């Protein structure tokens, strides 16, 4: 993979580290999404609704 991209393993690892969000960034994105949904829907989704949406997105990602 590194050879295909014209880099070394170190470069691949560095790219991965730079492009992968941290847990704090994921949490920030989730809070922003909740806020956007609450604004659009006039209320925030329930924890059950969030869990169902997460399950659906995971299944879609696996397809």
PDB file of N, CA and C in Angstrom:
ATOM      1  N   UNK A   1       0.831  -1.184   0.000  1.00  0.00           N
ATOM      2  CA  UNK A   1       0.000   0.000   0.000  1.00  0.00           C
ATOM      3  C   UNK A   1       0.882   1.257   0.000  1.00  0.00           C
ATOM      4  N   UNK A   2       1.916   1.228   0.805  1.00  0.00           N
ATOM      5  CA  UNK A   2       2.814   2.385   0.856  1.00  0.00           C
ATOM      6  C   UNK A   2       3.455   2.619  -0.504  1.00  0.00           C
ATOM      7  N   UNK A   3       3.905   1.547  -1.141  1.00  0.00           N
ATOM      8  CA  UNK A   3       4.542   1.680  -2.456  1.00  0.00           C
ATOM      9  C   UNK A   3       3.573   2.242  -3.483  1.00  0.00           C
ATOM     10  N   UNK A   4       2.318   1.797  -3.434  1.00  0.00           N
ATOM     11  CA  UNK A   4       1.309   2.319  -4.366  1.00  0.00           C
ATOM     12  C   UNK A   4       1.112   3.810  -4.208  1.00  0.00           C
ATOM     13  N   UNK A   5       1.274   4.289  -2.990  1.00  0.00           N
ATOM     14  CA  UNK A   5       1.077   5.714  -2.709  1.00  0.00           C
ATOM     15  C   UNK A   5       2.375   6.509  -2.777  1.00  0.00           C
ATOM     16  N   UNK A   6       3.452   5.822  -3.078  1.00  0.00           N
ATOM     17  CA  UNK A   6       4.735   6.500  -3.193  1.00  0.00           C
ATOM     18  C   UNK A   6       5.254   7.022  -1.862  1.00  0.00           C
ATOM     19  N   UNK A   7       5.014   6.267  -0.796  1.00  0.00           N
ATOM     20  CA  UNK A   7       5.456   6.678   0.533  1.00  0.00           C
ATOM     21  C   UNK A   7       5.981   5.466   1.290  1.00  0.00           C
ATOM     22  N   UNK A   8       6.411   5.671   2.494  1.00  0.00           N
ATOM     23  CA  UNK A   8       6.867   4.582   3.360  1.00  0.00           C
ATOM     24  C   UNK A   8       5.780   4.283   4.388  1.00  0.00           C
ATOM     25  N   UNK A   9       5.948   3.193   5.102  1.00  0.00           N
ATOM     26  CA  UNK A   9       4.991   2.820   6.148  1.00  0.00           C
ATOM     27  C   UNK A   9       4.806   3.975   7.131  1.00  0.00           C
ATOM     28  N   UNK A  10       5.887   4.614   7.477  1.00  0.00           N
ATOM     29  CA  UNK A  10       5.824   5.756   8.395  1.00  0.00           C
ATOM     30  C   UNK A  10       4.852   6.814   7.857  1.00  0.00           C
ATOM     31  N   UNK A  11       4.906   7.072   6.559  1.00  0.00           N
ATOM     32  CA  UNK A  11       4.003   8.047   5.949  1.00  0.00           C
ATOM     33  C   UNK A  11       2.555   7.620   6.028  1.00  0.00           C
ATOM     34  N   UNK A  12       2.303   6.331   5.836  1.00  0.00           N
ATOM     35  CA  UNK A  12       0.930   5.829   5.942  1.00  0.00           C
ATOM     36  C   UNK A  12       0.394   5.994   7.357  1.00  0.00           C
ATOM     37  N   UNK A  13       1.212   5.647   8.337  1.00  0.00           N
ATOM     38  CA  UNK A  13       0.795   5.766   9.739  1.00  0.00           C
ATOM     39  C   UNK A  13       0.551   7.233  10.082  1.00  0.00           C
ATOM     40  N   UNK A  14       1.425   8.095   9.612  1.00  0.00           N
ATOM     41  CA  UNK A  14       1.265   9.524   9.879  1.00  0.00           C
ATOM     42  C   UNK A  14      -0.029  10.053   9.262  1.00  0.00           C
ATOM     43  N   UNK A  15      -0.305   9.656   8.022  1.00  0.00           N
ATOM     44  CA  UNK A  15      -1.552  10.078   7.368  1.00  0.00           C
ATOM     45  C   UNK A  15      -2.772   9.580   8.136  1.00  0.00           C
ATOM     46  N   UNK A  16      -2.722   8.338   8.590  1.00  0.00           N
ATOM     47  CA  UNK A  16      -3.830   7.769   9.354  1.00  0.00           C
ATOM     48  C   UNK A  16      -4.040   8.535  10.657  1.00  0.00           C
ATOM     49  N   UNK A  17      -2.951   8.811  11.342  1.00  0.00           N
ATOM     50  CA  UNK A  17      -3.047   9.533  12.616  1.00  0.00           C
ATOM     51  C   UNK A  17      -3.611  10.933  12.416  1.00  0.00           C
ATOM     52  N   UNK A  18      -3.238  11.585  11.344  1.00  0.00           N
ATOM     53  CA  UNK A  18      -3.709  12.946  11.103  1.00  0.00           C
ATOM     54  C   UNK A  18      -5.153  12.991  10.615  1.00  0.00           C
ATOM     55  N   UNK A  19      -5.602  11.930   9.954  1.00  0.00           N
ATOM     56  CA  UNK A  19      -6.948  11.963   9.379  1.00  0.00           C
ATOM     57  C   UNK A  19      -8.009  11.304  10.254  1.00  0.00           C
ATOM     58  N   UNK A  20      -7.604  10.654  11.332  1.00  0.00           N
ATOM     59  CA  UNK A  20      -8.548   9.986  12.225  1.00  0.00           C
ATOM     60  C   UNK A  20      -8.901  10.908  13.385  1.00  0.00           C
ATOM     61  N   UNK A  21     -10.189  11.215  13.534  1.00  0.00           N
ATOM     62  CA  UNK A  21     -10.596  12.091  14.649  1.00  0.00           C
ATOM     63  C   UNK A  21     -10.319  11.452  16.005  1.00  0.00           C
ATOM     64  N   UNK A  22     -10.050  12.285  16.982  1.00  0.00           N
ATOM     65  CA  UNK A  22      -9.878  11.816  18.359  1.00  0.00           C
ATOM     66  C   UNK A  22     -11.256  11.555  18.968  1.00  0.00           C
ATOM     67  N   UNK A  23     -11.277  10.903  20.123  1.00  0.00           N
ATOM     68  CA  UNK A  23     -12.545  10.665  20.817  1.00  0.00           C
ATOM     69  C   UNK A  23     -13.220  11.989  21.156  1.00  0.00           C
ATOM     70  N   UNK A  24     -12.437  12.986  21.532  1.00  0.00           N
ATOM     71  CA  UNK A  24     -13.003  14.302  21.848  1.00  0.00           C
ATOM     72  C   UNK A  24     -13.625  14.930  20.603  1.00  0.00           C
ATOM     73  N   UNK A  25     -12.988  14.759  19.452  1.00  0.00           N
ATOM     74  CA  UNK A  25     -13.542  15.302  18.205  1.00  0.00           C
ATOM     75  C   UNK A  25     -14.831  14.573  17.819  1.00  0.00           C
ATOM     76  N   UNK A  26     -14.857  13.239  18.027  1.00  0.00           N
ATOM     77  CA  UNK A  26     -16.095  12.493  17.768  1.00  0.00           C
ATOM     78  C   UNK A  26     -17.215  12.990  18.680  1.00  0.00           C
ATOM     79  N   UNK A  27     -16.903  13.202  19.957  1.00  0.00           N
ATOM     80  CA  UNK A  27     -17.911  13.679  20.907  1.00  0.00           C
ATOM     81  C   UNK A  27     -18.403  15.064  20.507  1.00  0.00           C
ATOM     82  N   UNK A  28     -17.497  15.918  20.069  1.00  0.00           N
ATOM     83  CA  UNK A  28     -17.876  17.266  19.628  1.00  0.00           C
ATOM     84  C   UNK A  28     -18.796  17.199  18.408  1.00  0.00           C
ATOM     85  N   UNK A  29     -18.469  16.320  17.472  1.00  0.00           N
ATOM     86  CA  UNK A  29     -19.307  16.158  16.278  1.00  0.00           C
ATOM     87  C   UNK A  29     -20.690  15.625  16.645  1.00  0.00           C
ATOM     88  N   UNK A  30     -20.738  14.690  17.596  1.00  0.00           N
ATOM     89  CA  UNK A  30     -22.017  14.127  18.023  1.00  0.00           C
ATOM     90  C   UNK A  30     -22.877  15.201  18.678  1.00  0.00           C
ATOM     91  N   UNK A  31     -22.272  16.032  19.509  1.00  0.00           N
ATOM     92  CA  UNK A  31     -23.029  17.101  20.170  1.00  0.00           C
ATOM     93  C   UNK A  31     -23.535  18.105  19.142  1.00  0.00           C
ATOM     94  N   UNK A  32     -22.721  18.412  18.159  1.00  0.00           N
ATOM     95  CA  UNK A  32     -23.152  19.322  17.091  1.00  0.00           C
ATOM     96  C   UNK A  32     -24.322  18.719  16.313  1.00  0.00           C
ATOM     97  N   UNK A  33     -24.248  17.428  16.022  1.00  0.00           N
ATOM     98  CA  UNK A  33     -25.343  16.759  15.311  1.00  0.00           C
ATOM     99  C   UNK A  33     -26.624  16.780  16.135  1.00  0.00           C
ATOM    100  N   UNK A  34     -26.507  16.519  17.452  1.00  0.00           N
ATOM    101  CA  UNK A  34     -27.689  16.576  18.326  1.00  0.00           C
ATOM    102  C   UNK A  34     -28.303  17.965  18.313  1.00  0.00           C
ATOM    103  N   UNK A  35     -27.461  18.967  18.369  1.00  0.00           N
ATOM    104  CA  UNK A  35     -27.932  20.347  18.363  1.00  0.00           C
ATOM    105  C   UNK A  35     -28.648  20.679  17.059  1.00  0.00           C
ATOM    106  N   UNK A  36     -28.057  20.251  15.945  1.00  0.00           N
ATOM    107  CA  UNK A  36     -28.674  20.492  14.635  1.00  0.00           C
ATOM    108  C   UNK A  36     -30.031  19.786  14.535  1.00  0.00           C
ATOM    109  N   UNK A  37     -30.084  18.539  15.012  1.00  0.00           N
ATOM    110  CA  UNK A  37     -31.356  17.797  14.981  1.00  0.00           C
ATOM    111  C   UNK A  37     -32.401  18.460  15.867  1.00  0.00           C
ATOM    112  N   UNK A  38     -31.992  18.863  17.041  1.00  0.00           N
ATOM    113  CA  UNK A  38     -32.929  19.516  17.953  1.00  0.00           C
ATOM    114  C   UNK A  38     -33.465  20.795  17.328  1.00  0.00           C
ATOM    115  N   UNK A  39     -32.619  21.528  16.644  1.00  0.00           N
ATOM    116  CA  UNK A  39     -33.042  22.758  15.983  1.00  0.00           C
ATOM    117  C   UNK A  39     -34.010  22.462  14.839  1.00  0.00           C
ATOM    118  N   UNK A  40     -33.689  21.454  14.049  1.00  0.00           N
ATOM    119  CA  UNK A  40     -34.520  21.124  12.887  1.00  0.00           C
ATOM    120  C   UNK A  40     -35.837  20.463  13.276  1.00  0.00           C
ATOM    121  N   UNK A  41     -35.801  19.654  14.354  1.00  0.00           N
ATOM    122  CA  UNK A  41     -36.986  18.877  14.743  1.00  0.00           C
ATOM    123  C   UNK A  41     -37.738  19.482  15.916  1.00  0.00           C
ATOM    124  N   UNK A  42     -37.243  20.558  16.471  1.00  0.00           N
ATOM    125  CA  UNK A  42     -37.831  21.234  17.621  1.00  0.00           C
ATOM    126  C   UNK A  42     -37.639  20.465  18.922  1.00  0.00           C
ATOM    127  N   UNK A  43     -36.899  19.360  18.898  1.00  0.00           N
ATOM    128  CA  UNK A  43     -36.501  18.663  20.121  1.00  0.00           C
ATOM    129  C   UNK A  43     -35.361  17.705  19.787  1.00  0.00           C
ATOM    130  N   UNK A  44     -34.623  17.330  20.798  1.00  0.00           N
ATOM    131  CA  UNK A  44     -33.483  16.427  20.602  1.00  0.00           C
ATOM    132  C   UNK A  44     -33.972  14.986  20.504  1.00  0.00           C
ATOM    133  N   UNK A  45     -33.269  14.163  19.745  1.00  0.00           N
ATOM    134  CA  UNK A  45     -33.648  12.751  19.675  1.00  0.00           C
ATOM    135  C   UNK A  45     -33.429  12.072  21.022  1.00  0.00           C
ATOM    136  N   UNK A  46     -34.245  11.096  21.323  1.00  0.00           N
ATOM    137  CA  UNK A  46     -34.107  10.343  22.576  1.00  0.00           C
ATOM    138  C   UNK A  46     -32.883   9.433  22.484  1.00  0.00           C
ATOM    139  N   UNK A  47     -32.386   8.975  23.618  1.00  0.00           N
ATOM    140  CA  UNK A  47     -31.269   8.020  23.578  1.00  0.00           C
ATOM    141  C   UNK A  47     -31.612   6.774  22.762  1.00  0.00           C
ATOM    142  N   UNK A  48     -32.875   6.317  22.860  1.00  0.00           N
ATOM    143  CA  UNK A  48     -33.301   5.160  22.066  1.00  0.00           C
ATOM    144  C   UNK A  48     -33.269   5.489  20.575  1.00  0.00           C
ATOM    145  N   UNK A  49     -33.713   6.673  20.218  1.00  0.00           N
ATOM    146  CA  UNK A  49     -33.680   7.094  18.818  1.00  0.00           C
ATOM    147  C   UNK A  49     -32.254   7.195  18.298  1.00  0.00           C
ATOM    148  N   UNK A  50     -31.356   7.702  19.125  1.00  0.00           N
ATOM    149  CA  UNK A  50     -29.945   7.777  18.739  1.00  0.00           C
ATOM    150  C   UNK A  50     -29.366   6.385  18.526  1.00  0.00           C
ATOM    151  N   UNK A  51     -29.697   5.456  19.414  1.00  0.00           N
ATOM    152  CA  UNK A  51     -29.182   4.087  19.302  1.00  0.00           C
ATOM    153  C   UNK A  51     -29.680   3.425  18.023  1.00  0.00           C
ATOM    154  N   UNK A  52     -30.937   3.627  17.700  1.00  0.00           N
ATOM    155  CA  UNK A  52     -31.490   3.052  16.472  1.00  0.00           C
ATOM    156  C   UNK A  52     -30.824   3.658  15.242  1.00  0.00           C
ATOM    157  N   UNK A  53     -30.616   4.953  15.252  1.00  0.00           N
ATOM    158  CA  UNK A  53     -29.955   5.614  14.127  1.00  0.00           C
ATOM    159  C   UNK A  53     -28.519   5.118  13.980  1.00  0.00           C
ATOM    160  N   UNK A  54     -27.811   4.958  15.098  1.00  0.00           N
ATOM    161  CA  UNK A  54     -26.434   4.473  15.065  1.00  0.00           C
ATOM    162  C   UNK A  54     -26.380   3.063  14.484  1.00  0.00           C
ATOM    163  N   UNK A  55     -27.313   2.212  14.902  1.00  0.00           N
ATOM    164  CA  UNK A  55     -27.356   0.835  14.397  1.00  0.00           C
ATOM    165  C   UNK A  55     -27.595   0.838  12.889  1.00  0.00           C
ATOM    166  N   UNK A  56     -28.512   1.664  12.433  1.00  0.00           N
ATOM    167  CA  UNK A  56     -28.795   1.749  11.001  1.00  0.00           C
ATOM    168  C   UNK A  56     -27.564   2.225  10.234  1.00  0.00           C
ATOM    169  N   UNK A  57     -26.910   3.245  10.726  1.00  0.00           N
ATOM    170  CA  UNK A  57     -25.722   3.761  10.043  1.00  0.00           C
ATOM    171  C   UNK A  57     -24.607   2.728  10.015  1.00  0.00           C
ATOM    172  N   UNK A  58     -24.452   1.968  11.084  1.00  0.00           N
ATOM    173  CA  UNK A  58     -23.434   0.910  11.107  1.00  0.00           C
ATOM    174  C   UNK A  58     -23.751  -0.171  10.088  1.00  0.00           C
ATOM    175  N   UNK A  59     -25.022  -0.548   9.987  1.00  0.00           N
ATOM    176  CA  UNK A  59     -25.407  -1.558   8.983  1.00  0.00           C
ATOM    177  C   UNK A  59     -25.181  -1.041   7.588  1.00  0.00           C
ATOM    178  N   UNK A  60     -25.511   0.213   7.342  1.00  0.00           N
ATOM    179  CA  UNK A  60     -25.299   0.795   6.013  1.00  0.00           C
ATOM    180  C   UNK A  60     -23.815   0.860   5.677  1.00  0.00           C
ATOM    181  N   UNK A  61     -22.996   1.162   6.678  1.00  0.00           N
ATOM    182  CA  UNK A  61     -21.556   1.227   6.462  1.00  0.00           C
ATOM    183  C   UNK A  61     -20.951  -0.139   6.174  1.00  0.00           C
ATOM    184  N   UNK A  62     -21.565  -1.181   6.707  1.00  0.00           N
ATOM    185  CA  UNK A  62     -21.069  -2.529   6.504  1.00  0.00           C
ATOM    186  C   UNK A  62     -21.456  -3.086   5.140  1.00  0.00           C
ATOM    187  N   UNK A  63     -22.463  -2.472   4.538  1.00  0.00           N
ATOM    188  CA  UNK A  63     -22.955  -2.994   3.250  1.00  0.00           C
ATOM    189  C   UNK A  63     -22.021  -2.668   2.114  1.00  0.00           C
TER     190      UNK A  63
END
